[in-house]
Amino acid sequence: MSYQLFQLVSGLGLGLGIAVFHRPIADFMLQQERALAAIFYAKGLPRPPLPTESQSRNMYFALGIFLALIEAGRLWLMTR
């Protein structure tokens, strides 16, 4: 039972961590996507358009909040 509690609390922490640090995470991932897109462009391969900075930041913030809410709900259901 304590392993499940640790798993839920660590998942909640991960979700909150992603939500708090969504800007640096999104900026880093966007930088990596641009480098990958440049490689695809050099090879002549088609690629989908890259997201903007605000889209990327919003996506990682929403992902972090979603994970935190799911884990908080699971924690609440476990304690009932």
N, C-alpha and C. Protein backbone atom coordinates (compact mmCIF):
# COMPACT_ATOMS: atom_id res chain seq x y z
N MET A 1 0.82 -1.19 0.00
CA MET A 1 0.00 0.00 0.00
C MET A 1 0.86 1.25 0.00
N SER A 2 1.99 1.22 0.67
CA SER A 2 2.82 2.43 0.70
C SER A 2 3.48 2.69 -0.66
N TYR A 3 3.71 1.61 -1.45
CA TYR A 3 4.26 1.80 -2.79
C TYR A 3 3.27 2.55 -3.67
N GLN A 4 1.98 2.21 -3.55
CA GLN A 4 0.96 2.91 -4.33
C GLN A 4 0.88 4.38 -3.93
N LEU A 5 0.97 4.65 -2.65
CA LEU A 5 0.95 6.02 -2.18
C LEU A 5 2.15 6.79 -2.72
N PHE A 6 3.33 6.17 -2.68
CA PHE A 6 4.53 6.81 -3.23
C PHE A 6 4.38 7.08 -4.72
N GLN A 7 3.80 6.13 -5.43
CA GLN A 7 3.60 6.28 -6.87
C GLN A 7 2.64 7.44 -7.17
N LEU A 8 1.57 7.55 -6.40
CA LEU A 8 0.60 8.62 -6.62
C LEU A 8 1.19 9.99 -6.28
N VAL A 9 1.92 10.06 -5.17
CA VAL A 9 2.50 11.34 -4.77
C VAL A 9 3.60 11.76 -5.74
N SER A 10 4.39 10.80 -6.21
CA SER A 10 5.43 11.16 -7.17
C SER A 10 4.83 11.58 -8.52
N GLY A 11 3.74 10.95 -8.93
CA GLY A 11 3.04 11.36 -10.15
C GLY A 11 2.45 12.75 -10.02
N LEU A 12 1.92 13.05 -8.83
CA LEU A 12 1.39 14.39 -8.56
C LEU A 12 2.53 15.41 -8.60
N GLY A 13 3.65 15.07 -8.02
CA GLY A 13 4.81 15.97 -8.06
C GLY A 13 5.33 16.18 -9.47
N LEU A 14 5.33 15.11 -10.26
CA LEU A 14 5.77 15.23 -11.65
C LEU A 14 4.85 16.16 -12.44
N GLY A 15 3.56 15.99 -12.27
CA GLY A 15 2.60 16.86 -12.97
C GLY A 15 2.75 18.31 -12.57
N LEU A 16 2.89 18.56 -11.26
CA LEU A 16 3.08 19.93 -10.80
C LEU A 16 4.42 20.49 -11.26
N GLY A 17 5.45 19.64 -11.30
CA GLY A 17 6.76 20.09 -11.78
C GLY A 17 6.72 20.49 -13.24
N ILE A 18 6.02 19.72 -14.05
CA ILE A 18 5.88 20.07 -15.47
C ILE A 18 5.11 21.38 -15.61
N ALA A 19 4.06 21.55 -14.80
CA ALA A 19 3.26 22.78 -14.88
C ALA A 19 4.07 24.00 -14.44
N VAL A 20 4.90 23.84 -13.41
CA VAL A 20 5.69 24.97 -12.91
C VAL A 20 6.80 25.33 -13.89
N PHE A 21 7.47 24.33 -14.44
CA PHE A 21 8.61 24.57 -15.33
C PHE A 21 8.24 24.37 -16.80
N HIS A 22 6.99 24.70 -17.17
CA HIS A 22 6.54 24.47 -18.54
C HIS A 22 7.28 25.34 -19.56
N ARG A 23 7.68 26.54 -19.18
CA ARG A 23 8.35 27.42 -20.15
C ARG A 23 9.73 26.89 -20.56
N PRO A 24 10.62 26.55 -19.62
CA PRO A 24 11.93 26.04 -20.06
C PRO A 24 11.82 24.69 -20.77
N ILE A 25 10.88 23.85 -20.32
CA ILE A 25 10.70 22.55 -20.99
C ILE A 25 10.23 22.76 -22.42
N ALA A 26 9.24 23.63 -22.60
CA ALA A 26 8.70 23.89 -23.94
C ALA A 26 9.75 24.53 -24.84
N ASP A 27 10.52 25.47 -24.31
CA ASP A 27 11.55 26.12 -25.12
C ASP A 27 12.63 25.12 -25.55
N PHE A 28 13.02 24.23 -24.65
CA PHE A 28 14.03 23.22 -24.99
C PHE A 28 13.50 22.27 -26.05
N MET A 29 12.27 21.80 -25.87
CA MET A 29 11.70 20.86 -26.83
C MET A 29 11.50 21.52 -28.20
N LEU A 30 11.12 22.79 -28.21
CA LEU A 30 10.95 23.50 -29.47
C LEU A 30 12.29 23.68 -30.19
N GLN A 31 13.35 23.92 -29.41
CA GLN A 31 14.69 24.01 -29.99
C GLN A 31 15.09 22.68 -30.63
N GLN A 32 14.79 21.58 -29.96
CA GLN A 32 15.11 20.26 -30.51
C GLN A 32 14.28 19.97 -31.76
N GLU A 33 13.03 20.37 -31.75
CA GLU A 33 12.17 20.17 -32.92
C GLU A 33 12.68 20.98 -34.11
N ARG A 34 13.16 22.19 -33.86
CA ARG A 34 13.70 23.00 -34.95
C ARG A 34 14.95 22.36 -35.55
N ALA A 35 15.80 21.79 -34.71
CA ALA A 35 16.99 21.12 -35.21
C ALA A 35 16.61 19.90 -36.04
N LEU A 36 15.63 19.15 -35.58
CA LEU A 36 15.16 17.99 -36.33
C LEU A 36 14.50 18.40 -37.64
N ALA A 37 13.76 19.49 -37.62
CA ALA A 37 13.12 19.99 -38.84
C ALA A 37 14.17 20.44 -39.86
N ALA A 38 15.26 21.01 -39.38
CA ALA A 38 16.33 21.43 -40.29
C ALA A 38 16.97 20.21 -40.96
N ILE A 39 17.12 19.13 -40.22
CA ILE A 39 17.66 17.90 -40.80
C ILE A 39 16.71 17.36 -41.86
N PHE A 40 15.41 17.34 -41.55
CA PHE A 40 14.42 16.88 -42.53
C PHE A 40 14.43 17.77 -43.76
N TYR A 41 14.55 19.08 -43.56
CA TYR A 41 14.56 20.02 -44.68
C TYR A 41 15.78 19.79 -45.56
N ALA A 42 16.92 19.53 -44.95
CA ALA A 42 18.16 19.28 -45.71
C ALA A 42 18.05 18.01 -46.54
N LYS A 43 17.33 17.02 -46.04
CA LYS A 43 17.17 15.76 -46.77
C LYS A 43 16.03 15.82 -47.78
N GLY A 44 15.23 16.90 -47.75
CA GLY A 44 14.13 17.04 -48.68
C GLY A 44 12.88 16.28 -48.27
N LEU A 45 12.78 15.90 -47.01
CA LEU A 45 11.61 15.17 -46.53
C LEU A 45 10.52 16.14 -46.09
N PRO A 46 9.27 15.78 -46.34
CA PRO A 46 8.18 16.66 -45.88
C PRO A 46 8.03 16.56 -44.37
N ARG A 47 7.59 17.65 -43.77
CA ARG A 47 7.40 17.68 -42.32
C ARG A 47 6.21 18.56 -42.00
N PRO A 48 5.54 18.26 -40.89
CA PRO A 48 4.43 19.14 -40.49
C PRO A 48 4.97 20.46 -39.95
N PRO A 49 4.14 21.49 -39.95
CA PRO A 49 4.62 22.78 -39.42
C PRO A 49 4.89 22.69 -37.92
N LEU A 50 5.88 23.45 -37.48
CA LEU A 50 6.24 23.47 -36.06
C LEU A 50 5.25 24.32 -35.27
N PRO A 51 5.01 23.96 -34.02
CA PRO A 51 4.14 24.82 -33.20
C PRO A 51 4.86 26.11 -32.83
N THR A 52 4.09 27.12 -32.52
CA THR A 52 4.68 28.38 -32.08
C THR A 52 5.10 28.23 -30.62
N GLU A 53 5.84 29.25 -30.12
CA GLU A 53 6.27 29.21 -28.72
C GLU A 53 5.09 29.17 -27.77
N SER A 54 4.09 29.99 -28.03
CA SER A 54 2.94 30.03 -27.12
C SER A 54 2.15 28.73 -27.17
N GLN A 55 2.01 28.12 -28.35
CA GLN A 55 1.33 26.84 -28.45
C GLN A 55 2.07 25.76 -27.68
N SER A 56 3.38 25.75 -27.83
CA SER A 56 4.19 24.76 -27.14
C SER A 56 4.12 24.94 -25.63
N ARG A 57 4.21 26.18 -25.16
CA ARG A 57 4.14 26.44 -23.72
C ARG A 57 2.77 26.07 -23.16
N ASN A 58 1.72 26.43 -23.88
CA ASN A 58 0.37 26.08 -23.43
C ASN A 58 0.17 24.56 -23.38
N MET A 59 0.74 23.86 -24.35
CA MET A 59 0.59 22.41 -24.40
C MET A 59 1.27 21.76 -23.18
N TYR A 60 2.48 22.18 -22.84
CA TYR A 60 3.17 21.58 -21.70
C TYR A 60 2.53 21.99 -20.38
N PHE A 61 2.00 23.20 -20.28
CA PHE A 61 1.29 23.59 -19.06
C PHE A 61 0.04 22.73 -18.89
N ALA A 62 -0.72 22.57 -19.96
CA ALA A 62 -1.94 21.76 -19.90
C ALA A 62 -1.61 20.30 -19.57
N LEU A 63 -0.53 19.78 -20.13
CA LEU A 63 -0.11 18.41 -19.83
C LEU A 63 0.22 18.25 -18.35
N GLY A 64 0.94 19.21 -17.79
CA GLY A 64 1.29 19.14 -16.38
C GLY A 64 0.08 19.22 -15.48
N ILE A 65 -0.84 20.12 -15.78
CA ILE A 65 -2.06 20.25 -14.97
C ILE A 65 -2.91 19.00 -15.11
N PHE A 66 -3.01 18.45 -16.32
CA PHE A 66 -3.78 17.23 -16.54
C PHE A 66 -3.22 16.08 -15.71
N LEU A 67 -1.90 15.89 -15.74
CA LEU A 67 -1.28 14.83 -14.94
C LEU A 67 -1.52 15.04 -13.46
N ALA A 68 -1.38 16.27 -13.00
CA ALA A 68 -1.59 16.56 -11.58
C ALA A 68 -3.04 16.29 -11.18
N LEU A 69 -3.99 16.66 -12.01
CA LEU A 69 -5.40 16.41 -11.68
C LEU A 69 -5.72 14.92 -11.67
N ILE A 70 -5.19 14.18 -12.61
CA ILE A 70 -5.43 12.73 -12.64
C ILE A 70 -4.86 12.09 -11.38
N GLU A 71 -3.64 12.43 -11.02
CA GLU A 71 -3.02 11.83 -9.83
C GLU A 71 -3.70 12.29 -8.55
N ALA A 72 -4.15 13.54 -8.49
CA ALA A 72 -4.87 14.01 -7.31
C ALA A 72 -6.21 13.27 -7.19
N GLY A 73 -6.87 13.04 -8.29
CA GLY A 73 -8.11 12.27 -8.26
C GLY A 73 -7.89 10.85 -7.82
N ARG A 74 -6.84 10.22 -8.32
CA ARG A 74 -6.53 8.85 -7.89
C ARG A 74 -6.18 8.80 -6.42
N LEU A 75 -5.44 9.79 -5.94
CA LEU A 75 -5.09 9.86 -4.52
C LEU A 75 -6.35 10.05 -3.67
N TRP A 76 -7.26 10.89 -4.12
CA TRP A 76 -8.49 11.13 -3.38
C TRP A 76 -9.34 9.85 -3.34
N LEU A 77 -9.42 9.14 -4.48
CA LEU A 77 -10.19 7.91 -4.51
C LEU A 77 -9.55 6.82 -3.64
N MET A 78 -8.24 6.82 -3.55
CA MET A 78 -7.56 5.82 -2.73
C MET A 78 -7.82 6.06 -1.23
N THR A 79 -7.96 7.30 -0.83
CA THR A 79 -8.15 7.60 0.58
C THR A 79 -9.60 7.46 1.01
N ARG A 80 -10.53 7.33 0.08
CA ARG A 80 -11.95 7.19 0.43
C ARG A 80 -12.27 5.80 0.79
